Protein backbone atom coordinates (compact mmCIF):
# COMPACT_ATOMS: atom_id res chain seq x y z
CA MET A 1 -21.52 22.31 19.90
CA SER A 2 -23.39 19.85 22.33
CA THR A 3 -21.69 16.22 22.00
CA SER A 4 -23.88 13.04 21.58
CA ALA A 5 -22.96 9.92 23.41
CA ILE A 6 -22.63 6.84 21.91
CA PHE A 7 -23.37 3.89 24.41
CA VAL A 8 -20.86 0.87 22.85
CA SER A 9 -22.46 -2.75 23.83
CA SER A 10 -20.38 -5.76 23.69
CA VAL A 11 -18.99 -8.58 26.17
CA GLN A 12 -16.35 -6.94 27.57
CA LYS A 13 -14.01 -9.39 27.99
CA GLU A 14 -13.88 -10.81 24.37
CA LEU A 15 -13.91 -7.59 22.46
CA THR A 16 -11.98 -5.02 25.09
CA GLU A 17 -9.70 -4.13 22.33
CA GLU A 18 -12.26 -3.59 19.81
CA ARG A 19 -13.99 -0.91 22.66
CA ARG A 20 -10.85 0.75 23.37
CA ALA A 21 -9.74 1.46 19.88
CA LEU A 22 -13.52 2.48 18.90
CA LYS A 23 -13.68 5.11 21.68
CA ALA A 24 -9.79 6.26 20.61
CA PHE A 25 -11.20 6.70 17.04
CA VAL A 26 -13.89 8.44 17.62
CA GLU A 27 -12.63 10.93 20.00
CA GLY A 28 -9.35 11.50 17.93
CA ASP A 29 -10.98 11.77 15.07
CA ALA A 30 -11.07 16.05 13.51
CA LEU A 31 -14.84 15.25 12.58
CA LEU A 32 -16.49 13.00 14.64
CA ARG A 33 -15.67 14.12 18.19
CA ARG A 34 -17.00 17.74 17.17
CA PHE A 35 -20.21 15.88 17.10
CA PHE A 36 -20.03 11.98 19.42
CA THR A 37 -18.10 11.04 22.72
CA VAL A 38 -18.30 7.09 23.60
CA PHE A 39 -19.48 5.85 26.53
CA LEU A 40 -17.57 2.36 28.15
CA PHE A 41 -18.92 1.13 31.46
CA GLU A 42 -14.85 0.10 32.15
CA ASP A 43 -14.67 4.09 32.65
CA LEU A 44 -17.24 5.09 34.96
CA PRO A 45 -15.90 4.95 39.12
CA ALA A 46 -17.39 2.83 41.32
CA ALA A 47 -20.22 3.19 42.76
CA ASP A 48 -23.21 1.86 45.09
CA GLN A 49 -25.52 0.89 42.13
CA ARG A 50 -26.25 -2.32 40.39
CA VAL A 51 -24.78 -2.92 36.95
CA ASP A 52 -27.42 -3.74 35.09
CA ALA A 53 -29.51 -0.66 36.49
CA VAL A 54 -26.37 1.35 35.30
CA PHE A 55 -26.16 -0.03 31.85
CA LEU A 56 -29.81 0.52 31.19
CA ASP A 57 -29.81 4.08 32.07
CA GLN A 58 -26.74 5.01 29.79
CA VAL A 59 -28.51 3.05 26.97
CA ASP A 60 -31.59 5.91 27.86
CA ARG A 61 -29.12 8.69 28.05
CA SER A 62 -27.39 8.01 24.60
CA SER A 63 -27.85 8.78 21.37
CA VAL A 64 -26.78 6.08 19.69
CA TYR A 65 -26.15 2.22 20.04
CA VAL A 66 -23.37 0.51 18.79
CA GLY A 67 -23.04 -3.10 18.83
CA LEU A 68 -20.11 -5.22 18.50
CA PHE A 69 -21.12 -9.07 18.84
CA GLY A 70 -18.22 -11.70 19.13
CA ASN A 71 -18.91 -14.97 19.28
CA ASP A 72 -19.33 -15.02 23.56
CA TYR A 73 -23.11 -14.63 24.95
CA GLY A 74 -22.09 -13.38 28.25
CA PHE A 75 -22.79 -13.46 31.36
CA GLU A 76 -26.53 -14.71 32.08
CA ASP A 77 -28.94 -13.58 34.35
CA ALA A 78 -31.92 -15.40 36.04
CA GLU A 79 -34.16 -15.18 33.18
CA GLY A 80 -30.59 -16.08 30.73
CA ARG A 81 -30.10 -13.15 29.10
CA SER A 82 -27.12 -11.43 29.22
CA PRO A 83 -26.65 -7.67 29.17
CA THR A 84 -25.50 -7.41 25.81
CA GLU A 85 -28.90 -8.56 24.45
CA ARG A 86 -31.30 -6.45 26.98
CA GLU A 87 -29.02 -3.10 26.25
CA PHE A 88 -29.88 -4.15 22.55
CA ASP A 89 -33.51 -4.58 23.44
CA ARG A 90 -33.71 -1.38 25.26
CA ALA A 91 -31.98 0.71 22.64
CA THR A 92 -35.28 -1.48 19.87
CA ARG A 93 -37.44 -0.11 22.42
CA GLN A 94 -36.16 3.82 22.74
CA GLY A 95 -35.88 3.83 19.38
CA LYS A 96 -32.34 4.57 19.28
CA PRO A 97 -30.15 4.60 15.81
CA ARG A 98 -28.28 0.93 15.80
CA PHE A 99 -25.45 -0.14 14.61
CA ILE A 100 -24.44 -3.51 14.29
CA PHE A 101 -20.76 -4.78 13.63
CA VAL A 102 -20.71 -8.94 13.91
CA LYS A 103 -16.72 -9.93 13.98
CA GLY A 104 -15.91 -12.76 11.85
CA ALA A 105 -17.30 -14.56 9.20
CA ASP A 106 -18.10 -18.33 10.62
CA ASP A 107 -20.98 -18.04 13.03
CA ARG A 108 -20.55 -21.91 13.77
CA ALA A 109 -18.26 -21.20 16.21
CA ARG A 110 -20.72 -18.48 17.82
CA HIS A 111 -22.73 -19.36 21.62
CA PRO A 112 -26.18 -20.44 20.48
CA LYS A 113 -28.02 -17.61 21.96
CA MET A 114 -25.14 -15.26 20.20
CA ALA A 115 -25.92 -16.52 17.25
CA ALA A 116 -29.75 -16.04 17.66
CA LEU A 117 -29.09 -12.14 18.47
CA VAL A 118 -27.16 -11.82 15.21
CA ARG A 119 -29.63 -13.29 13.24
CA ARG A 120 -32.82 -11.02 15.02
CA ALA A 121 -31.01 -8.30 14.47
CA GLY A 122 -29.97 -8.76 10.87
CA ASP A 123 -34.32 -8.99 10.60
CA GLN A 124 -34.16 -5.76 12.28
CA LEU A 125 -31.60 -3.47 10.31
CA ILE A 126 -28.40 -3.60 8.26
CA ARG A 127 -25.40 -5.50 9.99
CA ARG A 128 -21.65 -5.10 8.94
CA ARG A 129 -18.67 -7.89 9.12
CA PHE A 130 -15.39 -6.95 10.36
CA ALA A 131 -11.84 -9.17 11.02
CA GLY A 132 -9.86 -6.55 12.61
CA VAL A 133 -10.16 -3.02 14.13
CA SER A 134 -9.25 -1.01 10.78
CA GLU A 135 -12.20 -2.77 9.23
CA LEU A 136 -14.16 -2.02 12.30
CA THR A 137 -13.29 1.55 12.36
CA ALA A 138 -13.86 2.21 9.00
CA ALA A 139 -17.45 0.68 8.98
CA LEU A 140 -18.27 2.96 11.86
CA TYR A 141 -17.32 6.12 10.34
CA ALA A 142 -19.26 5.59 6.99
CA SER A 143 -22.09 4.79 9.53
CA LEU A 144 -21.91 8.02 11.54
CA VAL A 145 -21.42 10.04 8.79
CA GLU A 146 -24.64 8.68 7.25
CA HIS A 147 -26.44 9.48 10.21
CA LEU A 148 -25.43 13.23 10.72
CA GLU A 149 -26.19 13.88 7.15
CA ARG A 150 -29.51 11.87 7.93
CA THR A 151 -30.29 13.91 11.06
CA GLY A 152 -29.01 17.63 9.16
CA ARG A 153 -26.03 17.70 11.54
CA LEU A 154 -23.56 17.42 8.85
CA ARG A 155 -24.05 18.88 5.65
CA THR A 156 -20.90 18.27 3.51
CA LYS A 157 -19.43 14.71 3.65
CA PRO A 158 -15.46 14.05 4.85
CA PHE A 159 -13.58 14.35 0.97
CA ASP A 160 -12.73 11.02 0.71
CA ALA A 161 -16.63 9.71 1.88
CA ALA A 162 -17.98 12.84 -0.62
CA ALA A 163 -19.27 11.54 -4.18
CA CYS A 164 -16.84 12.72 -6.99
CA PRO A 165 -18.15 15.17 -9.22
CA ASP A 166 -18.89 14.09 -12.50
CA ALA A 167 -17.72 10.89 -12.31
CA THR A 168 -19.90 7.50 -12.98
CA PRO A 169 -19.61 4.27 -12.63
CA ALA A 170 -18.15 3.95 -16.29
CA ASP A 171 -15.05 5.90 -15.07
CA LEU A 172 -14.34 2.41 -12.12
CA SER A 173 -11.97 -0.01 -13.80
CA ALA A 174 -13.32 -3.67 -12.95
CA GLU A 175 -9.62 -4.77 -14.14
CA LYS A 176 -8.42 -2.94 -10.95
CA LEU A 177 -11.00 -3.88 -8.41
CA ASN A 178 -10.26 -7.30 -9.54
CA TRP A 179 -6.85 -6.97 -8.83
CA PHE A 180 -7.72 -5.55 -5.74
CA LEU A 181 -9.92 -8.20 -4.34
CA ALA A 182 -7.52 -10.96 -5.91
CA ARG A 183 -4.99 -9.30 -3.37
CA ALA A 184 -6.94 -8.46 -0.70
CA GLN A 185 -8.71 -11.95 -0.33
CA ALA A 186 -4.81 -13.61 -0.79
CA GLU A 187 -3.37 -11.13 1.66
CA ARG A 188 -6.46 -10.86 4.17
CA ALA A 189 -8.59 -13.43 3.63
CA TYR A 190 -11.90 -10.88 2.59
CA PRO A 191 -14.66 -12.22 1.81
CA LEU A 192 -15.69 -10.62 -1.47
CA PRO A 193 -13.93 -12.78 -4.25
CA PRO A 194 -12.27 -11.50 -7.92
CA GLY A 195 -15.56 -10.94 -10.17
CA THR A 196 -17.57 -9.26 -7.65
CA ARG A 197 -20.18 -6.95 -9.36
CA MET A 198 -18.84 -3.01 -8.85
CA LYS A 199 -21.60 -2.04 -7.57
CA THR A 200 -21.45 -4.69 -4.71
CA ALA A 201 -17.92 -4.13 -3.78
CA LEU A 202 -17.95 -0.61 -3.40
CA ALA A 203 -21.45 -0.81 -0.76
CA HIS A 204 -18.77 -3.39 0.95
CA LEU A 205 -16.21 -0.81 1.15
CA ASN A 206 -18.21 2.08 1.51
CA LEU A 207 -17.08 3.97 -1.58
CA LEU A 208 -20.80 4.99 -2.42
CA ASP A 209 -22.50 8.18 -1.92
CA GLY A 210 -25.86 7.36 -3.06
CA ARG A 211 -25.34 5.69 -6.52
CA GLU A 212 -22.10 7.58 -7.42
CA PRO A 213 -18.81 6.72 -6.29
CA SER A 214 -16.76 8.50 -3.76
CA HIS A 215 -13.69 10.49 -4.06
CA ALA A 216 -11.73 7.21 -2.27
CA ALA A 217 -13.63 5.03 -5.03
CA VAL A 218 -11.78 6.95 -7.80
CA LEU A 219 -8.38 7.04 -6.18
CA LEU A 220 -8.52 3.41 -5.84
CA PHE A 221 -10.26 2.03 -8.31
CA GLY A 222 -10.30 5.28 -11.60
CA HIS A 223 -9.55 4.32 -14.93
CA ARG A 224 -7.99 8.03 -14.88
CA PRO A 225 -7.89 9.74 -11.32
CA GLN A 226 -6.33 12.83 -12.27
CA ARG A 227 -8.95 13.55 -14.14
CA PHE A 228 -11.45 14.19 -11.88
CA LEU A 229 -8.29 15.21 -9.10
CA LEU A 230 -5.30 16.47 -10.91
CA SER A 231 -3.65 17.17 -7.63
CA SER A 232 -3.80 13.47 -7.10
CA GLU A 233 -0.16 13.02 -8.83
CA VAL A 234 3.26 12.16 -7.37
CA LYS A 235 6.35 13.97 -8.30
CA CYS A 236 9.98 11.92 -8.05
CA LEU A 237 12.69 14.31 -8.45
CA HIS A 238 16.43 13.12 -7.99
CA PHE A 239 19.28 15.02 -6.95
CA HIS A 240 22.99 14.80 -7.00
CA GLY A 241 23.51 16.99 -4.24
CA THR A 242 22.53 18.13 -1.04
CA GLU A 243 19.71 20.82 -1.90
CA VAL A 244 17.23 21.58 -4.85
CA SER A 245 19.00 23.10 -7.63
CA LYS A 246 18.39 23.34 -11.71
CA PRO A 247 18.30 21.37 -13.77
CA ILE A 248 17.31 18.65 -12.08
CA PRO A 249 18.44 15.25 -13.15
CA SER A 250 15.84 13.15 -13.43
CA TYR A 251 11.84 14.11 -13.00
CA GLN A 252 8.94 11.56 -12.76
CA LEU A 253 5.38 12.70 -12.63
CA TYR A 254 3.46 9.95 -11.82
CA LYS A 255 -0.70 9.14 -12.26
CA GLY A 256 -3.07 6.72 -11.37
CA THR A 257 -4.92 4.98 -8.58
CA VAL A 258 -3.50 5.02 -5.13
CA PHE A 259 -1.72 1.82 -5.05
CA GLU A 260 -0.19 2.47 -9.01
CA LEU A 261 1.17 5.57 -7.34
CA VAL A 262 2.99 3.88 -4.57
CA ASP A 263 4.60 1.45 -6.69
CA HIS A 264 5.54 3.75 -9.42
CA ALA A 265 7.35 5.87 -6.91
CA LEU A 266 9.04 2.92 -4.55
CA ASP A 267 10.63 2.16 -8.33
CA PHE A 268 11.66 5.18 -8.65
CA VAL A 269 13.63 5.48 -5.20
CA MET A 270 14.58 2.19 -4.76
CA SER A 271 16.19 1.98 -8.70
CA LYS A 272 18.01 5.24 -8.23
CA ILE A 273 20.34 3.93 -5.06
CA ALA A 274 22.85 1.49 -4.35
CA ARG A 275 22.47 -1.99 -3.85
CA ARG A 276 24.29 -5.39 -3.60
CA VAL A 277 23.28 -8.65 -4.88
CA GLY A 278 23.85 -11.59 -2.86
CA THR A 279 24.36 -15.43 -3.92
CA ARG A 280 21.40 -17.98 -3.89
CA ALA A 281 22.92 -20.30 -1.27
CA GLN A 282 20.20 -19.66 1.02
CA GLY A 283 17.27 -19.90 -1.75
CA PRO A 284 16.00 -19.77 -5.43
CA ALA A 285 16.14 -15.71 -4.82
CA ALA A 286 19.66 -14.10 -4.82
CA PRO A 287 18.63 -11.21 -2.16
CA VAL A 288 19.26 -7.81 -3.16
CA ASP A 289 20.18 -5.69 -0.17
CA TYR A 290 19.53 -1.73 -0.50
CA GLU A 291 21.29 0.98 0.96
CA LEU A 292 17.63 2.39 2.25
CA PRO A 293 14.92 -0.57 3.82
CA ARG A 294 12.77 -1.24 1.11
CA GLU A 295 9.94 -1.60 3.67
CA ALA A 296 11.08 1.90 5.40
CA VAL A 297 10.56 3.71 1.97
CA ALA A 298 7.11 1.90 0.94
CA GLU A 299 5.49 3.00 4.35
CA ALA A 300 6.82 6.37 3.85
CA LEU A 301 4.95 6.56 0.71
CA VAL A 302 2.23 4.46 1.60
CA ASN A 303 2.08 7.31 4.59
CA ALA A 304 1.85 10.31 2.20
CA VAL A 305 -0.77 9.08 -0.24
CA ALA A 306 -3.28 7.46 1.95
CA HIS A 307 -3.14 10.34 4.71
CA ARG A 308 -2.85 13.38 2.46
CA ASP A 309 -4.72 16.22 2.38
CA TYR A 310 -6.54 15.76 -1.01
CA ALA A 311 -8.39 18.84 -1.13
CA SER A 312 -5.04 20.72 -1.36
CA ASN A 313 -3.74 21.63 -4.56
CA ALA A 314 -0.32 20.19 -3.67
CA SER A 315 1.01 17.48 -4.62
CA VAL A 316 2.80 14.33 -3.00
CA GLN A 317 6.20 15.51 -3.76
CA VAL A 318 9.44 12.77 -3.77
CA MET A 319 12.74 14.19 -3.42
CA LEU A 320 16.00 11.85 -3.32
CA PHE A 321 19.24 14.13 -2.73
CA ALA A 322 22.88 12.45 -2.16
CA ASP A 323 22.31 12.48 1.47
CA ARG A 324 18.40 11.61 2.21
CA LEU A 325 15.28 10.78 0.96
CA GLU A 326 12.41 13.32 1.22
CA VAL A 327 8.52 12.68 1.17
CA TRP A 328 6.14 15.63 1.46
CA ASN A 329 2.80 15.76 1.59
CA PRO A 330 -0.21 18.36 1.47
CA GLY A 331 -1.39 18.62 5.43
CA GLU A 332 -0.48 18.11 9.16
CA LEU A 333 -1.12 15.47 12.02
CA PRO A 334 -4.42 15.43 13.80
CA LEU A 335 -4.44 17.93 17.13
CA SER A 336 -4.45 14.92 18.92
CA LEU A 337 -1.52 13.50 17.63
CA THR A 338 2.51 15.42 18.32
CA LEU A 339 5.83 15.04 16.41
CA ASP A 340 7.07 13.44 19.26
CA GLU A 341 4.24 10.84 20.17
CA LEU A 342 4.76 9.44 16.53
CA ARG A 343 8.33 7.59 17.82
CA ARG A 344 5.74 6.13 20.75
CA PRO A 345 2.62 3.70 20.43
CA HIS A 346 -0.04 5.62 19.34
CA ALA A 347 -3.99 5.94 17.70
CA SER A 348 -4.38 5.50 14.36
CA ILE A 349 -6.14 8.77 13.36
CA PRO A 350 -6.05 8.11 9.70
CA ARG A 351 -6.91 11.41 7.49
CA ASN A 352 -8.89 9.42 4.55
CA PRO A 353 -10.19 5.89 6.20
CA LEU A 354 -12.14 4.93 3.25
CA ILE A 355 -8.92 4.91 1.65
CA ALA A 356 -6.32 3.54 4.10
CA GLU A 357 -8.58 0.62 4.66
CA PRO A 358 -8.05 -1.02 1.13
CA MET A 359 -4.65 -0.20 1.06
CA PHE A 360 -4.79 -2.52 4.61
CA LEU A 361 -6.70 -5.08 2.88
CA ALA A 362 -4.56 -5.07 0.04
CA HIS A 363 -1.33 -5.51 2.42
CA TYR A 364 0.20 -1.97 1.71
CA SER A 365 0.15 -1.14 5.21
CA GLU A 366 0.26 -2.97 8.21
CA LYS A 367 -1.93 -2.59 11.39
CA ALA A 368 -2.99 0.48 11.98
CA GLY A 369 -1.39 2.83 14.40
CA THR A 370 2.16 0.84 13.52
CA GLY A 371 3.64 1.96 10.18
CA ILE A 372 5.41 4.77 11.77
CA LEU A 373 7.23 2.53 14.36
CA ASP A 374 7.78 0.20 11.33
CA MET A 375 9.95 2.52 10.20
CA ILE A 376 12.03 3.59 12.48
CA ALA A 377 12.36 -0.19 13.20
CA ARG A 378 13.47 -0.77 9.67
CA CYS A 379 16.01 1.42 9.80
CA ARG A 380 17.78 0.75 13.26
CA GLU A 381 17.49 -2.93 11.94
CA ALA A 382 19.56 -1.62 8.76
CA GLY A 383 21.70 0.79 10.29
CA THR A 384 20.69 3.97 8.61
CA PRO A 385 19.55 6.65 10.61
CA LEU A 386 16.16 6.47 12.08
CA PRO A 387 13.80 8.92 10.39
CA GLU A 388 13.32 12.49 11.09
CA PHE A 389 9.38 14.18 10.99
CA ARG A 390 8.73 17.31 11.04
CA GLN A 391 5.31 19.97 9.67
CA SER A 392 6.76 22.84 6.96
CA GLY A 393 4.35 25.24 6.23
CA GLY A 394 0.74 22.57 5.49
CA GLN A 395 2.86 20.08 4.55
CA PHE A 396 3.91 16.64 6.71
CA VAL A 397 7.76 15.80 6.13
CA GLN A 398 9.28 12.48 6.62
CA VAL A 399 13.57 12.39 6.25
CA LEU A 400 15.27 8.85 5.75
CA GLY A 401 19.28 9.49 6.14
CA ARG A 402 21.21 7.58 3.39
CA PRO A 403 24.53 6.05 4.84
CA LYS A 404 27.22 7.88 4.13
CA VAL A 405 29.45 6.13 1.70
CA ALA A 406 32.71 4.09 2.88
CA GLU A 407 35.66 4.14 0.98
CA THR A 408 36.39 0.88 -0.73
CA PRO A 409 40.02 -0.12 -0.37
CA GLU A 410 42.18 -1.02 -2.98
CA VAL A 411 42.49 -4.91 -3.49
CA THR A 412 45.28 -6.55 -5.33
CA PRO A 413 43.67 -8.94 -8.12
CA GLN A 414 45.70 -11.97 -7.59
CA VAL A 415 44.36 -12.15 -4.29
CA ALA A 416 41.32 -10.77 -4.71
CA PRO A 417 37.77 -13.18 -3.80
CA GLN A 418 35.61 -13.16 -7.00
CA VAL A 419 32.94 -10.90 -5.92
CA THR A 420 29.72 -11.10 -8.23
CA THR A 421 27.70 -7.34 -7.69
CA GLY A 422 24.38 -6.22 -9.40
CA VAL A 423 25.13 -4.23 -12.44
CA ALA A 424 22.69 -1.15 -12.42
CA PRO A 425 20.59 -0.61 -15.34
CA GLU A 426 21.98 1.87 -16.88
CA VAL A 427 25.60 1.02 -16.87
CA ARG A 428 24.36 -1.81 -18.90
CA LEU A 429 22.06 -0.24 -20.98
CA ALA A 430 25.99 2.10 -21.86
CA ARG A 431 27.59 -1.69 -22.57
CA LEU A 432 26.02 -2.14 -25.37
CA VAL A 433 26.01 1.28 -27.35
CA SER A 434 27.74 1.10 -30.52
CA GLY A 435 27.83 4.06 -32.20
CA GLU A 436 24.68 5.74 -32.85
CA MET A 437 21.55 3.85 -31.65
CA THR A 438 18.05 4.14 -31.86
CA ARG A 439 15.59 3.83 -28.60
CA GLN A 440 14.01 0.65 -30.59
CA GLN A 441 17.31 -0.53 -31.21
CA LEU A 442 18.65 -0.15 -27.76
CA GLN A 443 15.07 -1.39 -26.31
CA LYS A 444 15.61 -4.41 -28.93
CA ALA A 445 19.41 -5.00 -27.62
CA LEU A 446 18.31 -5.47 -24.32
CA ARG A 447 15.56 -7.94 -25.19
CA LEU A 448 13.06 -5.85 -23.45
CA LYS A 449 9.67 -5.59 -23.55
CA ASP A 450 7.98 -2.98 -22.09
CA ALA A 451 8.94 0.19 -23.91
CA LYS A 452 7.41 2.59 -20.82
CA HIS A 453 9.83 0.64 -18.13
CA PHE A 454 12.93 0.74 -20.33
CA ARG A 455 12.74 4.75 -20.86
CA GLU A 456 12.01 5.00 -17.05
CA ALA A 457 14.87 1.90 -15.50
CA TYR A 458 17.29 2.03 -18.58
CA LEU A 459 17.45 4.80 -20.49
CA GLN A 460 16.83 8.01 -18.05
CA PRO A 461 18.83 7.23 -15.60
CA ALA A 462 21.97 6.77 -18.20
CA LEU A 463 21.16 10.04 -19.72
CA ASP A 464 20.97 11.47 -16.24
CA ALA A 465 24.04 9.93 -14.87
CA GLY A 466 25.72 11.16 -18.15
CA LEU A 467 26.62 7.49 -19.73
CA ILE A 468 24.85 8.50 -22.64
CA GLU A 469 23.87 11.63 -24.87
CA MET A 470 21.38 12.52 -27.56
CA THR A 471 22.49 13.29 -31.42
CA ILE A 472 20.03 15.93 -31.35
CA PRO A 473 19.68 17.14 -27.77
CA ASP A 474 17.54 20.43 -28.34
CA LYS A 475 14.13 18.12 -30.17
CA PRO A 476 14.42 15.15 -27.43
CA GLN A 477 11.33 13.85 -29.19
CA SER A 478 12.44 13.89 -33.00
CA LYS A 479 11.77 11.18 -34.85
CA GLN A 480 15.86 10.91 -36.04
CA GLN A 481 16.90 11.38 -32.49
CA LYS A 482 19.48 8.43 -31.62
CA PHE A 483 21.92 7.63 -28.64
CA ARG A 484 25.68 7.54 -28.70
CA LEU A 485 28.17 7.27 -25.87
CA ALA A 486 28.79 10.48 -23.62
CA ALA A 487 32.46 11.30 -22.77
CA ALA A 488 32.39 9.44 -19.55
CA GLY A 489 30.10 6.53 -21.04
CA PRO A 490 33.68 4.25 -21.57
CA GLN A 491 35.60 4.86 -18.47
CA ALA A 492 31.98 4.45 -16.30
CA THR A 493 31.51 1.26 -17.80
CA SER A 494 34.54 -0.46 -18.52
CA GLY A 495 35.07 -1.42 -14.67
CA VAL A 496 37.93 -4.29 -15.57
CA PRO A 497 41.41 -3.87 -15.11
CA PRO A 498 43.33 -4.22 -18.71
CA HIS A 499 45.17 -7.12 -17.34
CA VAL A 500 42.13 -9.10 -16.18
CA THR A 501 40.23 -11.04 -18.52
CA PRO A 502 36.52 -10.08 -17.86
CA HIS A 503 34.01 -13.15 -18.11
CA VAL A 504 30.90 -11.81 -20.26
CA THR A 505 27.08 -13.33 -19.29
CA PRO A 506 25.47 -12.87 -22.36
CA GLU A 507 22.06 -10.80 -22.04
CA VAL A 508 19.29 -13.39 -21.11
CA ALA A 509 15.84 -13.06 -22.04
CA PRO A 510 12.98 -12.17 -19.64
CA GLU A 511 11.38 -15.66 -20.09
CA VAL A 512 14.46 -17.50 -19.41
CA ARG A 513 15.55 -15.42 -16.54
CA LEU A 514 12.33 -16.30 -14.86
CA ALA A 515 12.63 -20.47 -15.60
CA ARG A 516 15.89 -20.14 -14.08
CA ILE A 517 14.82 -19.59 -10.83
CA VAL A 518 11.47 -21.69 -10.55
CA ARG A 519 11.82 -24.20 -7.61
CA GLY A 520 9.25 -26.56 -7.12
CA GLU A 521 6.12 -24.82 -7.70
CA MET A 522 5.60 -21.11 -7.10
CA THR A 523 2.81 -18.79 -6.82
CA ARG A 524 2.96 -15.61 -8.87
CA GLU A 525 4.08 -13.74 -5.39
CA GLN A 526 7.11 -15.90 -4.78
CA LEU A 527 8.25 -15.81 -8.68
CA GLN A 528 7.86 -11.83 -9.00
CA GLN A 529 9.86 -11.75 -5.56
CA SER A 530 12.57 -13.97 -6.48
CA LEU A 531 13.43 -11.64 -9.66
CA ALA A 532 13.03 -8.56 -7.42
CA LEU A 533 10.41 -6.90 -9.55
CA THR A 534 7.81 -4.84 -8.22
CA ASP A 535 5.85 -3.73 -10.88
CA ALA A 536 3.38 -6.42 -10.75
CA LYS A 537 1.92 -5.60 -14.69
CA HIS A 538 5.42 -5.44 -15.73
CA PHE A 539 6.52 -8.88 -14.57
CA ARG A 540 3.27 -10.23 -16.27
CA LYS A 541 3.64 -8.63 -18.85
CA SER A 542 7.71 -9.21 -19.25
CA TYR A 543 8.13 -12.50 -17.61
CA LEU A 544 5.12 -14.62 -16.73
CA GLN A 545 2.78 -14.51 -19.72
CA PRO A 546 6.53 -14.96 -22.30
CA ALA A 547 7.43 -17.53 -20.00
CA LEU A 548 4.19 -19.62 -20.43
CA ASP A 549 3.76 -18.96 -24.24
CA ALA A 550 7.58 -19.93 -24.51
CA GLY A 551 6.42 -23.39 -22.88
CA LEU A 552 9.07 -22.66 -20.16
CA ILE A 553 6.25 -23.12 -17.44
CA GLU A 554 2.92 -23.75 -16.79
CA MET A 555 0.23 -23.61 -14.28
CA THR A 556 -0.66 -26.35 -11.96
CA ILE A 557 -4.53 -25.45 -12.01
CA PRO A 558 -4.50 -24.89 -16.18
CA ASP A 559 -8.23 -24.60 -15.94
CA LYS A 560 -8.69 -22.12 -13.48
CA PRO A 561 -5.87 -19.36 -14.38
CA ARG A 562 -7.05 -17.04 -11.83
CA SER A 563 -7.07 -19.53 -9.00
CA SER A 564 -6.25 -18.09 -5.56
CA LYS A 565 -4.32 -21.51 -5.21
CA GLN A 566 -2.61 -20.86 -8.54
CA ARG A 567 1.16 -21.93 -8.89
CA TYR A 568 3.64 -22.73 -11.51
CA ARG A 569 6.41 -24.99 -12.18
CA LEU A 570 9.30 -25.91 -15.05
CA THR A 571 7.78 -27.90 -17.85
CA ALA A 572 10.60 -30.01 -19.20
CA ARG A 573 11.24 -27.45 -21.98
CA GLY A 574 11.89 -25.15 -19.70
CA ALA A 575 14.27 -27.42 -17.31
CA ALA A 576 16.73 -28.14 -20.31
CA LYS A 577 16.06 -24.00 -21.60
CA GLY A 578 16.98 -22.79 -17.93
CA GLU A 579 19.98 -24.37 -17.32
CA PRO A 580 22.58 -21.87 -17.79
CA SER A 581 24.87 -22.06 -20.75
């Protein structure tokens, strides 16, 4: 199949990085490289030819014109016109397909002649704005695929860009879209605010196929994505040994959007590995150190969810063993990337760019092409084994080794320093079991309001660890079901030598816990991070809203609850209630 040339026009010095990234993206993408090559003037060898003549000749030879317009206008010839403007006019006269991408949202910083060129281009065709390379490549991808379909060269769209069969805009959640827009605006200065119409937001993100939502739209914002894409779920398994074996001690199947899948899987892993809680000496939040770097685990999960092959019937699988964490996702590396090259700086070649871009905007991932390197760096800093990668039967596998547990030397109680350690949720649950108790009684005793969070973070881990047991084990869903301490429960929950009087800390309501960590004025994200909570919805329902309802904290901008500038501070009541007794 013959390829068509794309002519990239811009001020070279100003947009060097964008030009190179665009070329690498097109020629590294499995679909686009079948149809296109990219011409960059800087790649031409020296020749005895006039520069302007070479530029215009290449415009004539190309099939597609791509204009990258920044702030600079560039060198002006005797007539006061730059090569960029001449190339645009030449492509216009030749009737070339033209795709214009404007960098930045502030036109006041542009050279007057460049600003005029941007306006003139906007009068003739649709132009797209971008802030960084990821936005540029995602927008270019959508434009080129649409061009291929319009010209009949491509009859099937990429999975993420194609319409999701039977899905309609009614299957998308305005609440989930608004959450994304608020986060993207706060994290990446995304221009569309919460409250933007669904159709407008989807069009801006290239998530419409005609009038219908694409697969990417359903995976990002669907009410129930797995209704249309069953295998998009994530399976999480925890094994006590180093091999897969049955019965599986802990198994969870998560459904939801790609953001929710990452959050749930991350909570699953982090709740089951060792952690150490420090003191508040350096700030309002007590630092929590995990045996595996949280950022590295999150990056592995984002990679699996964002870059998996959604055409496969396989699901993402997360398996936590005694000595390692393995994350499997269907799909293989692009042909232009090898396993060895992953450990060196490399171009980003996302399998699903229309999914990867929103995850970048929501700050679930960092700058394109650096995720694997960041994962390696986090593990090196934490002193854990460096990640390993492999291909296995059509699956890409990421492995994070868990550090070996060192034996704790015996310490004489009389001379041992006072140490405060974090108590695992399942141990907290086991410590309050008295006789036989129902699920509701246990949840109430822990002062937890979210039943799902209680089951996943407390009840199931306590059952898996053998600390408690069911009174009717052969009927787990029975209405008569109760729970009692298992044989291992009393020993595992005591933890204090009999000759030492323990200091017992009473259970504290979530809203009071929140009030105790407030220092000055803090954002929602700062409060959630200070409590070491990962699930934003759980934090809002179980901590933030109850604290507001109880009058322990207040908004700094009460008349605009959803303002991006919103912060929270203690009330007089909260200051009194927040003092430990």
